[in-house]
Amino acid sequence: MLAHKKDEFARLFQEFLNSYPYTPAGLHHTAAYEKQRQQGKRNFEAIAAAADFGEDVIELVVLQLLPYPDATKNRERGAWIHISSFVTKDIKESFEASMWIKPEDWQYIALAILNFVRHCNDDPKQLSAACVNFSHLPYAQYLPIGTITPILNALRPEEFLLINNQLIQVINYFSNTVYTEKLTDYPKLNVTGKKLIAELSQQMHQSGVPALRDDDLFDMFSHWLVAVKKYNFIGKDDPRFQEVELQPQYSLAECAEKIGLNEAELESWIRAINRKGQAILYGSPGTGKTFIAEKLAQHLIGGGNGFSELVQFHPAYSYEDFIQGIRPQNEDGKLTYLLLPGRFVQFCKEVENCQGICVLIIDEINRANLTQVFGELMYLLEYRDKEIPLAAGNKFRIPTNIRIIGTMNTADRSIALVDYALRRRFAFIELRPNYDLLRRYHLKTDFAVEVLIKILNYINLAISDKNYEIGISFFLTDKLSEDIEDIWRMEIEPYLEEYFFNQLEKVNEFRWEKVKQQLSL
């Protein structure tokens, strides 16, 4: 911790001692810590035992392992009263009213919470893995740190800090960190918080301090600083004002140079991608679809804090893989079925932390059953400002800063077979063999590229179908003179044999022996 921050803490802590611990609110706060721990521990032991006997513990988990504020209604129904409760209403009613969670989901949520707490209690060293696994659940985003850490702290206060929004703000300020309320931040936040408290413990050990654990005292101080004093944390070394790491700029001119297309054409593609939100690059094999998609993504995210990812579709790819679905999980030797997010939903969650453009590249997009894989996404692709419930529960929307670029090999499946409703939602950008790029690439190799281009033109004329033309990417290698025989025999000839399967005499015109002579090799 910086020296001036230590001085600031000492001044604020002295003010806290003089104004809060021995007020009625402060005395209530002091008495609550040990009392709520003891009750939480009793709750957990009773619920775990009931679950082991096969009893239904869904209601008990939600009511007695999650924290509730001190209110008459909560006391009457046996809820776990906790000083750090993050909610003011019934948790189930609040979540269901917000349509975050369906009533039938609670059986899975309760089991997941109980298993999570058990794993952490049995082996605290598994905290990081447990937090990651729990955060993969589709409803985990609605259960921040403040809902889960109170019971962990009740069971093992020496291992797990009681973390809430107030404590996060104070730890971030004095440790110069940027932790959030996401459960995946908790393991590091727990370590950082404990180190900070240990560093400040000497300043906290003075006359007049309530008889509390150091972590409880720091929690009470944090509550006072945020909720009572309403301290202004904004300053030049506040983490919220640190410079965000941005992606390097990648200009359209650089992109055009690398791809081998003119800048004006690329500019029209970028306009189409931004206008529609999604586009498909389609063309025959070897036209550089994936390479171009990656370069377009690099340009789109350049200068911002966004990112790009690539996923490849295949015939077995499903809605459950892409959006969400129920998958079997092994929990302590028992098979459970949890509703888990797919690749696209996870991508969207990560994008929520970015202000810049983020790009998802879907390679070989037409190899999957698109209407089945996309599901509700068909609607959201057109109405980016809307939010809709998914089939298996949870509301979902596509962040406005997402762009989707698909690639489609027209030799795999005719573009005409793509659902027309889907086609209307994408901009389609056609790619043909780019011989100028092949020429420029081989300026450094002295290969007889003009002869090769004539041969490729002749072959594509014989194919007489732009969906099956042979592209140039086969021949973008620095050692083409050495590699071309293998390329031709093992890649080009098998492709032609498949295309002219009932006209093999046409293939004979393009056998390597003849091509070799034309290339003077």
Protein backbone atom coordinates (compact mmCIF):
# COMPACT_ATOMS: atom_id res chain seq x y z
CA MET A 1 0.00 0.00 0.00
CA LEU A 2 1.24 3.49 -0.81
CA ALA A 3 2.37 5.58 2.16
CA HIS A 4 -0.21 8.31 1.62
CA LYS A 5 -2.97 5.66 1.57
CA LYS A 6 -1.77 4.33 4.93
CA ASP A 7 -1.94 7.84 6.35
CA GLU A 8 -5.39 8.26 4.87
CA PHE A 9 -6.57 4.98 6.42
CA ALA A 10 -5.18 5.96 9.84
CA ARG A 11 -7.06 9.26 9.73
CA LEU A 12 -10.32 7.65 8.57
CA PHE A 13 -10.08 4.78 11.07
CA GLN A 14 -9.64 7.23 13.95
CA GLU A 15 -12.71 9.12 12.78
CA PHE A 16 -14.60 5.81 12.59
CA LEU A 17 -13.63 4.92 16.18
CA ASN A 18 -14.77 8.29 17.45
CA SER A 19 -18.14 8.24 15.71
CA TYR A 20 -19.58 4.77 15.09
CA PRO A 21 -18.77 1.60 17.14
CA TYR A 22 -20.55 2.68 20.33
CA THR A 23 -23.65 4.13 18.73
CA PRO A 24 -26.80 1.93 18.79
CA ALA A 25 -26.15 0.98 15.16
CA GLY A 26 -22.50 0.21 15.91
CA LEU A 27 -23.31 -1.92 18.96
CA HIS A 28 -25.88 -3.87 16.91
CA HIS A 29 -23.24 -4.36 14.23
CA THR A 30 -20.69 -5.64 16.77
CA ALA A 31 -23.12 -8.15 18.29
CA ALA A 32 -24.26 -9.47 14.92
CA TYR A 33 -21.03 -11.02 13.60
CA GLU A 34 -20.60 -14.00 15.90
CA LYS A 35 -24.33 -14.54 16.30
CA GLN A 36 -24.93 -14.76 12.54
CA ARG A 37 -21.95 -17.10 12.10
CA GLN A 38 -23.23 -19.52 14.70
CA GLN A 39 -26.69 -19.55 13.16
CA GLY A 40 -25.31 -19.98 9.64
CA LYS A 41 -23.19 -22.93 10.75
CA ARG A 42 -26.20 -24.60 12.40
CA ASN A 43 -28.27 -24.01 9.27
CA PHE A 44 -25.66 -25.61 7.02
CA GLU A 45 -25.15 -28.67 9.20
CA ALA A 46 -28.91 -29.31 9.41
CA ILE A 47 -29.47 -28.82 5.68
CA ALA A 48 -26.48 -31.00 4.68
CA ALA A 49 -27.72 -33.79 6.96
CA ALA A 50 -31.26 -33.55 5.55
CA ALA A 51 -29.92 -33.65 1.99
CA ASP A 52 -27.86 -36.76 2.80
CA PHE A 53 -31.07 -38.45 3.97
CA GLY A 54 -32.70 -37.61 0.62
CA GLU A 55 -35.00 -34.92 1.97
CA ASP A 56 -36.14 -31.96 -0.16
CA VAL A 57 -33.99 -29.01 0.97
CA ILE A 58 -34.68 -26.55 -1.85
CA GLU A 59 -36.62 -24.07 0.29
CA LEU A 60 -34.19 -24.41 3.20
CA VAL A 61 -31.11 -23.71 1.06
CA VAL A 62 -32.59 -20.51 -0.35
CA LEU A 63 -33.99 -19.37 3.01
CA GLN A 64 -31.23 -20.38 5.42
CA LEU A 65 -27.95 -20.38 3.46
CA LEU A 66 -28.48 -17.03 1.76
CA PRO A 67 -28.45 -13.82 3.86
CA TYR A 68 -31.59 -11.79 4.66
CA PRO A 69 -32.03 -8.43 6.40
CA ASP A 70 -33.40 -8.17 9.92
CA ALA A 71 -37.16 -7.79 9.32
CA THR A 72 -40.19 -9.21 11.13
CA LYS A 73 -41.32 -11.22 8.08
CA ASN A 74 -37.89 -12.79 7.66
CA ARG A 75 -37.68 -13.73 11.34
CA GLU A 76 -41.16 -15.29 11.29
CA ARG A 77 -40.35 -17.58 8.39
CA GLY A 78 -36.97 -18.66 9.79
CA ALA A 79 -34.71 -16.86 7.32
CA TRP A 80 -31.02 -16.44 8.08
CA ILE A 81 -30.66 -12.89 9.39
CA HIS A 82 -27.36 -11.31 8.37
CA ILE A 83 -25.86 -7.86 8.80
CA SER A 84 -24.47 -7.92 5.24
CA SER A 85 -27.61 -8.97 3.36
CA PHE A 86 -27.58 -7.53 -0.15
CA VAL A 87 -31.37 -7.75 -0.64
CA THR A 88 -34.32 -6.07 1.01
CA LYS A 89 -37.01 -8.39 -0.38
CA ASP A 90 -37.58 -12.11 -0.64
CA ILE A 91 -34.83 -13.49 -2.88
CA LYS A 92 -37.05 -15.92 -4.79
CA GLU A 93 -39.82 -13.39 -5.32
CA SER A 94 -37.35 -10.73 -6.48
CA PHE A 95 -35.60 -12.98 -8.99
CA GLU A 96 -38.82 -14.45 -10.38
CA ALA A 97 -40.48 -11.03 -10.68
CA SER A 98 -37.46 -9.83 -12.67
CA MET A 99 -37.83 -12.93 -14.90
CA TRP A 100 -34.20 -13.78 -14.19
CA ILE A 101 -35.09 -17.21 -12.89
CA LYS A 102 -38.08 -19.49 -13.43
CA PRO A 103 -39.74 -21.14 -10.38
CA GLU A 104 -38.76 -24.58 -11.64
CA ASP A 105 -35.07 -23.52 -11.76
CA TRP A 106 -34.74 -23.27 -7.99
CA GLN A 107 -34.24 -27.01 -7.57
CA TYR A 108 -31.07 -26.76 -9.68
CA ILE A 109 -29.94 -23.50 -8.09
CA ALA A 110 -30.38 -24.82 -4.55
CA LEU A 111 -28.44 -28.00 -5.35
CA ALA A 112 -25.66 -25.98 -7.00
CA ILE A 113 -25.39 -23.63 -4.01
CA LEU A 114 -25.29 -26.51 -1.52
CA ASN A 115 -22.65 -28.38 -3.53
CA PHE A 116 -20.57 -25.20 -3.92
CA VAL A 117 -20.61 -24.51 -0.18
CA ARG A 118 -19.82 -28.14 0.62
CA HIS A 119 -16.83 -28.22 -1.72
CA CYS A 120 -15.38 -25.00 -0.30
CA ASN A 121 -15.99 -26.10 3.30
CA ASP A 122 -14.45 -29.54 2.74
CA ASP A 123 -11.39 -28.22 0.90
CA PRO A 124 -10.78 -24.44 0.94
CA LYS A 125 -7.92 -24.92 -1.53
CA GLN A 126 -10.54 -25.73 -4.17
CA LEU A 127 -12.14 -22.27 -3.89
CA SER A 128 -10.93 -21.05 -7.29
CA ALA A 129 -12.14 -24.16 -9.15
CA ALA A 130 -15.46 -24.11 -7.30
CA CYS A 131 -16.04 -20.44 -8.17
CA VAL A 132 -15.26 -21.03 -11.85
CA ASN A 133 -17.55 -24.06 -12.05
CA PHE A 134 -20.40 -22.27 -10.29
CA SER A 135 -20.02 -19.16 -12.49
CA HIS A 136 -20.58 -21.30 -15.60
CA LEU A 137 -24.16 -21.85 -14.54
CA PRO A 138 -26.59 -19.61 -16.48
CA TYR A 139 -28.14 -18.17 -13.32
CA ALA A 140 -24.81 -17.49 -11.59
CA GLN A 141 -24.72 -13.93 -12.92
CA TYR A 142 -27.68 -13.10 -10.67
CA LEU A 143 -25.96 -14.40 -7.53
CA PRO A 144 -23.09 -11.99 -6.79
CA ILE A 145 -20.40 -12.38 -4.15
CA GLY A 146 -22.63 -10.91 -1.46
CA THR A 147 -25.06 -13.84 -1.65
CA ILE A 148 -22.52 -16.66 -1.32
CA THR A 149 -19.64 -15.45 0.85
CA PRO A 150 -21.63 -14.95 4.09
CA ILE A 151 -22.19 -18.70 4.53
CA LEU A 152 -18.56 -19.48 3.63
CA ASN A 153 -17.43 -16.95 6.24
CA ALA A 154 -19.81 -18.46 8.81
CA LEU A 155 -18.31 -21.93 8.29
CA ARG A 156 -14.63 -21.00 7.97
CA PRO A 157 -14.01 -17.37 8.98
CA GLU A 158 -10.25 -17.94 9.07
CA GLU A 159 -10.30 -19.01 5.39
CA PHE A 160 -13.04 -16.94 3.77
CA LEU A 161 -13.61 -13.22 4.10
CA LEU A 162 -17.13 -11.88 4.31
CA ILE A 163 -17.22 -9.89 1.05
CA ASN A 164 -19.91 -7.45 0.01
CA ASN A 165 -20.14 -4.41 -2.25
CA GLN A 166 -18.97 -2.05 0.50
CA LEU A 167 -15.89 -4.11 1.30
CA ILE A 168 -15.03 -4.45 -2.41
CA GLN A 169 -15.00 -0.65 -2.79
CA VAL A 170 -12.70 -0.20 0.20
CA ILE A 171 -10.32 -3.02 -0.80
CA ASN A 172 -10.11 -1.69 -4.36
CA TYR A 173 -9.38 1.81 -3.10
CA PHE A 174 -6.63 0.97 -0.63
CA SER A 175 -5.10 -1.90 -2.66
CA ASN A 176 -5.39 -0.11 -6.02
CA THR A 177 -7.28 -3.05 -7.56
CA VAL A 178 -10.37 -3.36 -9.76
CA TYR A 179 -12.26 -6.37 -8.40
CA THR A 180 -15.97 -6.75 -9.16
CA GLU A 181 -18.91 -8.54 -7.53
CA LYS A 182 -18.48 -11.51 -9.87
CA LEU A 183 -17.90 -14.75 -8.01
CA THR A 184 -14.87 -15.51 -10.18
CA ASP A 185 -13.14 -12.49 -8.60
CA TYR A 186 -13.66 -13.84 -5.08
CA PRO A 187 -10.56 -16.09 -4.75
CA LYS A 188 -8.13 -13.26 -5.57
CA LEU A 189 -10.26 -10.73 -3.70
CA ASN A 190 -10.16 -12.99 -0.65
CA VAL A 191 -6.35 -13.14 -0.76
CA THR A 192 -5.94 -9.42 -1.40
CA GLY A 193 -8.39 -8.53 1.36
CA LYS A 194 -6.65 -10.73 3.92
CA LYS A 195 -3.23 -9.25 3.04
CA LEU A 196 -4.62 -5.73 3.32
CA ILE A 197 -6.20 -6.42 6.72
CA ALA A 198 -2.96 -7.96 7.98
CA GLU A 199 -1.05 -4.90 6.79
CA LEU A 200 -3.46 -2.55 8.56
CA SER A 201 -3.95 -4.65 11.70
CA GLN A 202 -1.38 -2.74 13.74
CA GLN A 203 -3.19 0.54 13.08
CA MET A 204 -6.51 -1.07 14.02
CA HIS A 205 -5.18 -2.46 17.34
CA GLN A 206 -5.62 0.53 19.63
CA SER A 207 -7.56 1.43 22.74
CA GLY A 208 -11.29 1.81 22.33
CA VAL A 209 -11.54 -0.74 19.52
CA PRO A 210 -14.47 -3.20 19.83
CA ALA A 211 -13.51 -6.78 20.71
CA LEU A 212 -13.84 -8.17 17.19
CA ARG A 213 -11.81 -10.24 14.76
CA ASP A 214 -9.65 -8.04 12.51
CA ASP A 215 -11.70 -8.95 9.44
CA ASP A 216 -14.98 -8.12 11.21
CA LEU A 217 -13.57 -4.80 12.40
CA PHE A 218 -12.46 -3.97 8.86
CA ASP A 219 -15.91 -4.95 7.56
CA MET A 220 -17.58 -2.63 10.07
CA PHE A 221 -15.17 0.17 9.13
CA SER A 222 -16.00 -0.41 5.44
CA HIS A 223 -19.73 -0.24 6.18
CA TRP A 224 -19.23 3.05 8.03
CA LEU A 225 -17.00 4.51 5.31
CA VAL A 226 -19.37 3.67 2.44
CA ALA A 227 -22.88 3.69 3.94
CA VAL A 228 -22.56 6.17 6.82
CA LYS A 229 -19.81 8.62 5.89
CA LYS A 230 -20.47 8.12 2.15
CA TYR A 231 -16.80 8.65 1.42
CA ASN A 232 -15.81 9.98 -1.99
CA PHE A 233 -13.30 7.47 -3.38
CA ILE A 234 -12.73 9.35 -6.63
CA GLY A 235 -9.12 10.38 -7.04
CA LYS A 236 -6.25 10.28 -9.45
CA ASP A 237 -5.08 6.85 -8.28
CA ASP A 238 -8.59 5.36 -8.04
CA PRO A 239 -8.55 2.15 -10.15
CA ARG A 240 -11.65 3.34 -11.95
CA PHE A 241 -9.53 6.10 -13.51
CA GLN A 242 -6.65 3.93 -14.60
CA GLU A 243 -6.03 3.73 -18.31
CA VAL A 244 -7.78 0.82 -19.96
CA GLU A 245 -5.58 -1.37 -22.17
CA LEU A 246 -6.72 -0.91 -25.75
CA GLN A 247 -6.28 -3.08 -28.81
CA PRO A 248 -3.67 -1.73 -31.27
CA GLN A 249 -5.06 0.31 -34.14
CA TYR A 250 -5.34 -1.60 -37.42
CA SER A 251 -6.26 0.83 -40.16
CA LEU A 252 -8.39 0.02 -43.18
CA ALA A 253 -5.37 0.78 -45.37
CA GLU A 254 -3.28 -1.83 -43.52
CA CYS A 255 -6.13 -4.30 -43.74
CA ALA A 256 -6.56 -3.70 -47.49
CA GLU A 257 -2.83 -4.14 -48.05
CA LYS A 258 -2.76 -7.45 -46.16
CA ILE A 259 -5.91 -8.84 -47.77
CA GLY A 260 -5.06 -7.63 -51.26
CA LEU A 261 -8.30 -5.73 -51.92
CA ASN A 262 -8.88 -2.05 -52.53
CA GLU A 263 -9.70 0.13 -49.54
CA ALA A 264 -13.01 1.38 -50.96
CA GLU A 265 -14.37 -2.15 -51.27
CA LEU A 266 -13.31 -3.02 -47.72
CA GLU A 267 -14.93 0.16 -46.47
CA SER A 268 -18.24 -0.93 -47.97
CA TRP A 269 -17.90 -4.31 -46.24
CA ILE A 270 -17.26 -2.66 -42.87
CA ARG A 271 -20.30 -0.42 -43.37
CA ALA A 272 -22.44 -3.48 -44.12
CA ILE A 273 -21.15 -5.34 -41.03
CA ASN A 274 -21.85 -2.36 -38.78
CA ARG A 275 -25.25 -1.70 -40.35
CA LYS A 276 -26.53 -5.29 -40.08
CA GLY A 277 -24.46 -6.36 -37.09
CA GLN A 278 -23.50 -9.57 -38.86
CA ALA A 279 -22.19 -10.70 -42.23
CA ILE A 280 -21.14 -13.89 -44.02
CA LEU A 281 -18.10 -14.18 -46.27
CA TYR A 282 -18.89 -16.86 -48.81
CA GLY A 283 -16.89 -18.38 -51.62
CA SER A 284 -15.24 -21.48 -53.01
CA PRO A 285 -12.32 -23.31 -51.33
CA GLY A 286 -9.10 -21.33 -51.06
CA THR A 287 -10.53 -17.82 -51.36
CA GLY A 288 -9.18 -16.82 -47.94
CA LYS A 289 -12.49 -16.49 -46.09
CA THR A 290 -11.20 -17.21 -42.59
CA PHE A 291 -8.05 -15.13 -43.07
CA ILE A 292 -10.06 -12.16 -44.31
CA ALA A 293 -12.59 -12.54 -41.48
CA GLU A 294 -9.77 -12.39 -38.93
CA LYS A 295 -8.30 -9.26 -40.53
CA LEU A 296 -11.70 -7.56 -40.63
CA ALA A 297 -12.16 -8.42 -36.95
CA GLN A 298 -8.72 -7.00 -36.19
CA HIS A 299 -9.74 -3.73 -37.85
CA LEU A 300 -13.11 -3.60 -36.08
CA ILE A 301 -11.68 -4.08 -32.56
CA GLY A 302 -8.65 -1.84 -33.19
CA GLY A 303 -8.36 1.15 -30.87
CA GLY A 304 -10.95 -0.19 -28.39
CA ASN A 305 -10.99 -2.55 -25.43
CA GLY A 306 -12.93 -5.25 -27.27
CA PHE A 307 -11.73 -8.65 -28.43
CA SER A 308 -12.45 -11.33 -31.03
CA GLU A 309 -13.02 -15.07 -30.78
CA LEU A 310 -13.48 -17.86 -33.33
CA VAL A 311 -15.81 -20.84 -33.15
CA GLN A 312 -16.14 -23.49 -35.87
CA PHE A 313 -19.50 -25.05 -36.66
CA HIS A 314 -19.88 -28.69 -37.71
CA PRO A 315 -22.83 -31.02 -38.42
CA ALA A 316 -23.07 -32.12 -34.77
CA TYR A 317 -23.07 -28.54 -33.42
CA SER A 318 -26.31 -27.83 -31.54
CA TYR A 319 -28.40 -25.18 -29.78
CA GLU A 320 -27.12 -26.56 -26.48
CA ASP A 321 -23.53 -25.95 -27.59
CA PHE A 322 -24.16 -22.42 -28.84
CA ILE A 323 -26.93 -20.94 -26.64
CA GLN A 324 -27.68 -23.06 -23.56
CA GLY A 325 -28.66 -26.56 -22.58
CA ILE A 326 -28.83 -29.15 -19.84
CA ARG A 327 -25.61 -31.13 -19.43
CA PRO A 328 -24.75 -33.94 -17.02
CA GLN A 329 -22.29 -33.04 -14.25
CA ASN A 330 -20.58 -35.33 -11.74
CA GLU A 331 -21.08 -33.94 -8.24
CA ASP A 332 -19.48 -36.11 -5.55
CA GLY A 333 -20.19 -39.25 -7.55
CA LYS A 334 -23.79 -38.24 -8.22
CA LEU A 335 -24.99 -37.40 -11.70
CA THR A 336 -26.77 -34.04 -11.82
CA TYR A 337 -28.22 -32.19 -14.81
CA LEU A 338 -27.49 -28.48 -14.89
CA LEU A 339 -28.59 -25.78 -17.30
CA LEU A 340 -25.31 -24.39 -18.66
CA PRO A 341 -24.59 -21.51 -21.06
CA GLY A 342 -23.33 -22.24 -24.56
CA ARG A 343 -20.44 -20.60 -26.39
CA PHE A 344 -22.39 -17.56 -27.61
CA VAL A 345 -24.02 -16.79 -24.26
CA GLN A 346 -20.61 -16.99 -22.56
CA PHE A 347 -19.18 -14.69 -25.24
CA CYS A 348 -21.96 -12.15 -24.61
CA LYS A 349 -21.29 -12.21 -20.86
CA GLU A 350 -17.62 -11.37 -21.46
CA VAL A 351 -18.58 -8.59 -23.88
CA GLU A 352 -20.63 -6.85 -21.16
CA ASN A 353 -17.32 -5.74 -19.60
CA CYS A 354 -16.19 -4.01 -22.82
CA GLN A 355 -17.12 -0.71 -24.38
CA GLY A 356 -15.36 -1.38 -27.68
CA ILE A 357 -16.50 -3.57 -30.58
CA CYS A 358 -16.21 -7.34 -30.00
CA VAL A 359 -16.28 -9.82 -32.89
CA LEU A 360 -17.32 -13.47 -32.97
CA ILE A 361 -16.11 -15.31 -36.09
CA ILE A 362 -18.18 -18.39 -36.93
CA ASP A 363 -16.08 -20.48 -39.27
CA GLU A 364 -17.85 -22.89 -41.65
CA ILE A 365 -21.18 -21.47 -40.51
CA ASN A 366 -23.22 -23.42 -43.07
CA ARG A 367 -22.00 -26.83 -41.89
CA ALA A 368 -24.45 -26.76 -38.96
CA ASN A 369 -28.25 -26.71 -38.97
CA LEU A 370 -28.43 -22.95 -38.50
CA THR A 371 -32.10 -22.50 -37.64
CA GLN A 372 -31.75 -25.20 -34.99
CA VAL A 373 -28.47 -23.90 -33.58
CA PHE A 374 -29.53 -20.24 -33.47
CA GLY A 375 -33.01 -20.72 -31.97
CA GLU A 376 -34.15 -17.42 -30.42
CA LEU A 377 -31.05 -15.77 -31.87
CA MET A 378 -32.95 -15.50 -35.17
CA TYR A 379 -35.12 -12.81 -33.57
CA LEU A 380 -32.32 -11.07 -31.68
CA LEU A 381 -30.09 -10.82 -34.75
CA GLU A 382 -32.68 -8.53 -36.32
CA TYR A 383 -33.80 -6.73 -33.16
CA ARG A 384 -30.56 -5.98 -31.36
CA ASP A 385 -32.25 -3.64 -28.85
CA LYS A 386 -34.63 -6.35 -27.57
CA GLU A 387 -34.40 -8.88 -24.74
CA ILE A 388 -36.29 -12.17 -24.78
CA PRO A 389 -36.57 -15.24 -22.55
CA LEU A 390 -34.73 -18.33 -23.74
CA ALA A 391 -36.53 -21.66 -24.10
CA ALA A 392 -34.95 -23.20 -21.01
CA GLY A 393 -35.15 -20.05 -18.89
CA ASN A 394 -33.25 -16.80 -18.28
CA LYS A 395 -33.58 -13.60 -20.27
CA PHE A 396 -31.06 -12.88 -22.98
CA ARG A 397 -30.02 -10.04 -25.24
CA ILE A 398 -27.15 -9.44 -27.65
CA PRO A 399 -24.97 -6.51 -26.55
CA THR A 400 -25.00 -3.75 -29.15
CA ASN A 401 -21.20 -3.78 -29.48
CA ILE A 402 -21.11 -7.35 -30.86
CA ARG A 403 -20.40 -8.06 -34.51
CA ILE A 404 -20.68 -11.54 -36.03
CA ILE A 405 -18.71 -12.62 -39.11
CA GLY A 406 -19.44 -16.02 -40.58
CA THR A 407 -17.55 -17.88 -43.29
CA MET A 408 -19.28 -20.18 -45.75
CA ASN A 409 -17.61 -22.65 -48.08
CA THR A 410 -19.94 -22.83 -51.08
CA ALA A 411 -18.44 -26.15 -52.17
CA ASP A 412 -19.60 -27.72 -48.90
CA ARG A 413 -23.24 -26.80 -49.31
CA SER A 414 -24.95 -24.51 -51.80
CA ILE A 415 -25.70 -21.06 -50.43
CA ALA A 416 -29.24 -21.48 -51.79
CA LEU A 417 -29.89 -24.06 -49.06
CA VAL A 418 -29.45 -21.51 -46.29
CA ASP A 419 -32.75 -20.55 -44.67
CA TYR A 420 -34.11 -17.40 -46.33
CA ALA A 421 -35.14 -15.91 -42.97
CA LEU A 422 -31.53 -16.28 -41.86
CA ARG A 423 -30.16 -14.85 -45.10
CA ARG A 424 -32.25 -11.72 -44.54
CA ARG A 425 -30.50 -11.11 -41.24
CA PHE A 426 -26.95 -11.22 -42.64
CA ALA A 427 -25.07 -9.18 -45.19
CA PHE A 428 -23.51 -11.59 -47.70
CA ILE A 429 -20.07 -10.77 -49.10
CA GLU A 430 -18.85 -12.85 -52.03
CA LEU A 431 -15.19 -13.82 -52.39
CA ARG A 432 -13.68 -14.99 -55.68
CA PRO A 433 -10.11 -16.12 -56.40
CA ASN A 434 -7.90 -13.03 -56.01
CA TYR A 435 -5.12 -13.43 -58.53
CA ASP A 436 -3.69 -9.97 -57.82
CA LEU A 437 -2.91 -11.07 -54.29
CA LEU A 438 -1.22 -14.21 -55.65
CA ARG A 439 0.90 -12.03 -57.96
CA ARG A 440 1.95 -9.69 -55.14
CA TYR A 441 2.75 -12.55 -52.80
CA HIS A 442 5.12 -14.19 -55.27
CA LEU A 443 7.04 -11.04 -56.20
CA LYS A 444 9.54 -12.23 -53.58
CA THR A 445 9.74 -15.85 -54.79
CA ASP A 446 10.42 -15.56 -58.54
CA PHE A 447 7.86 -18.32 -59.16
CA ALA A 448 6.24 -18.39 -62.62
CA VAL A 449 2.96 -17.21 -61.14
CA GLU A 450 1.43 -15.93 -64.41
CA VAL A 451 1.55 -19.42 -65.89
CA LEU A 452 -0.05 -20.83 -62.74
CA ILE A 453 -2.82 -18.22 -62.93
CA LYS A 454 -3.56 -19.21 -66.53
CA ILE A 455 -3.81 -22.86 -65.48
CA LEU A 456 -6.16 -21.98 -62.59
CA ASN A 457 -8.31 -19.88 -64.92
CA TYR A 458 -8.51 -22.78 -67.34
CA ILE A 459 -9.51 -25.19 -64.54
CA ASN A 460 -12.17 -22.84 -63.17
CA LEU A 461 -13.53 -22.36 -66.68
CA ALA A 462 -13.87 -26.14 -66.96
CA ILE A 463 -15.57 -26.29 -63.53
CA SER A 464 -17.97 -23.62 -64.77
CA ASP A 465 -19.50 -23.01 -61.31
CA LYS A 466 -18.26 -20.19 -59.09
CA ASN A 467 -19.26 -22.16 -55.99
CA TYR A 468 -16.56 -24.76 -56.75
CA GLU A 469 -13.73 -22.67 -58.18
CA ILE A 470 -10.21 -23.32 -56.94
CA GLY A 471 -8.89 -20.41 -54.92
CA ILE A 472 -5.39 -19.10 -54.42
CA SER A 473 -4.67 -19.89 -50.77
CA PHE A 474 -3.35 -23.35 -51.75
CA PHE A 475 -0.40 -21.56 -53.36
CA LEU A 476 0.46 -18.91 -50.75
CA THR A 477 3.68 -20.52 -49.59
CA ASP A 478 7.22 -19.13 -49.77
CA LYS A 479 8.61 -22.44 -51.07
CA LEU A 480 6.04 -22.99 -53.80
CA SER A 481 8.64 -24.34 -56.26
CA GLU A 482 9.39 -27.14 -53.78
CA ASP A 483 5.84 -27.64 -52.51
CA ILE A 484 3.70 -27.35 -55.61
CA GLU A 485 3.99 -31.00 -56.69
CA ASP A 486 2.67 -32.18 -53.30
CA ILE A 487 -0.02 -29.49 -53.30
CA TRP A 488 -1.15 -30.46 -56.76
CA ARG A 489 -1.12 -34.23 -56.31
CA MET A 490 -2.55 -34.32 -52.78
CA GLU A 491 -4.97 -31.37 -52.75
CA ILE A 492 -5.89 -30.15 -56.24
CA GLU A 493 -6.20 -33.50 -58.07
CA PRO A 494 -8.34 -35.17 -55.34
CA TYR A 495 -10.64 -32.13 -55.36
CA LEU A 496 -11.03 -32.29 -59.15
CA GLU A 497 -11.60 -36.06 -59.05
CA GLU A 498 -14.45 -35.54 -56.63
CA TYR A 499 -15.98 -32.72 -58.65
CA PHE A 500 -15.65 -34.55 -62.02
CA PHE A 501 -16.39 -37.96 -60.50
CA ASN A 502 -18.38 -39.02 -63.60
CA GLN A 503 -16.13 -37.19 -66.08
CA LEU A 504 -12.67 -38.32 -65.05
CA GLU A 505 -11.34 -37.67 -68.55
CA LYS A 506 -11.53 -33.95 -67.73
CA VAL A 507 -9.28 -34.48 -64.74
CA ASN A 508 -6.61 -35.98 -66.98
CA GLU A 509 -6.11 -32.57 -68.59
CA PHE A 510 -4.96 -31.21 -65.23
CA ARG A 511 -2.74 -34.02 -63.96
CA TRP A 512 0.55 -32.98 -62.45
CA GLU A 513 2.60 -34.37 -65.34
CA LYS A 514 0.95 -31.92 -67.75
CA VAL A 515 0.91 -28.98 -65.32
CA LYS A 516 4.58 -29.54 -64.54
CA GLN A 517 5.47 -29.14 -68.20
CA GLN A 518 3.48 -25.91 -68.49
CA LEU A 519 5.23 -24.51 -65.42
CA SER A 520 8.63 -25.55 -66.84
CA LEU A 521 9.54 -27.37 -63.65
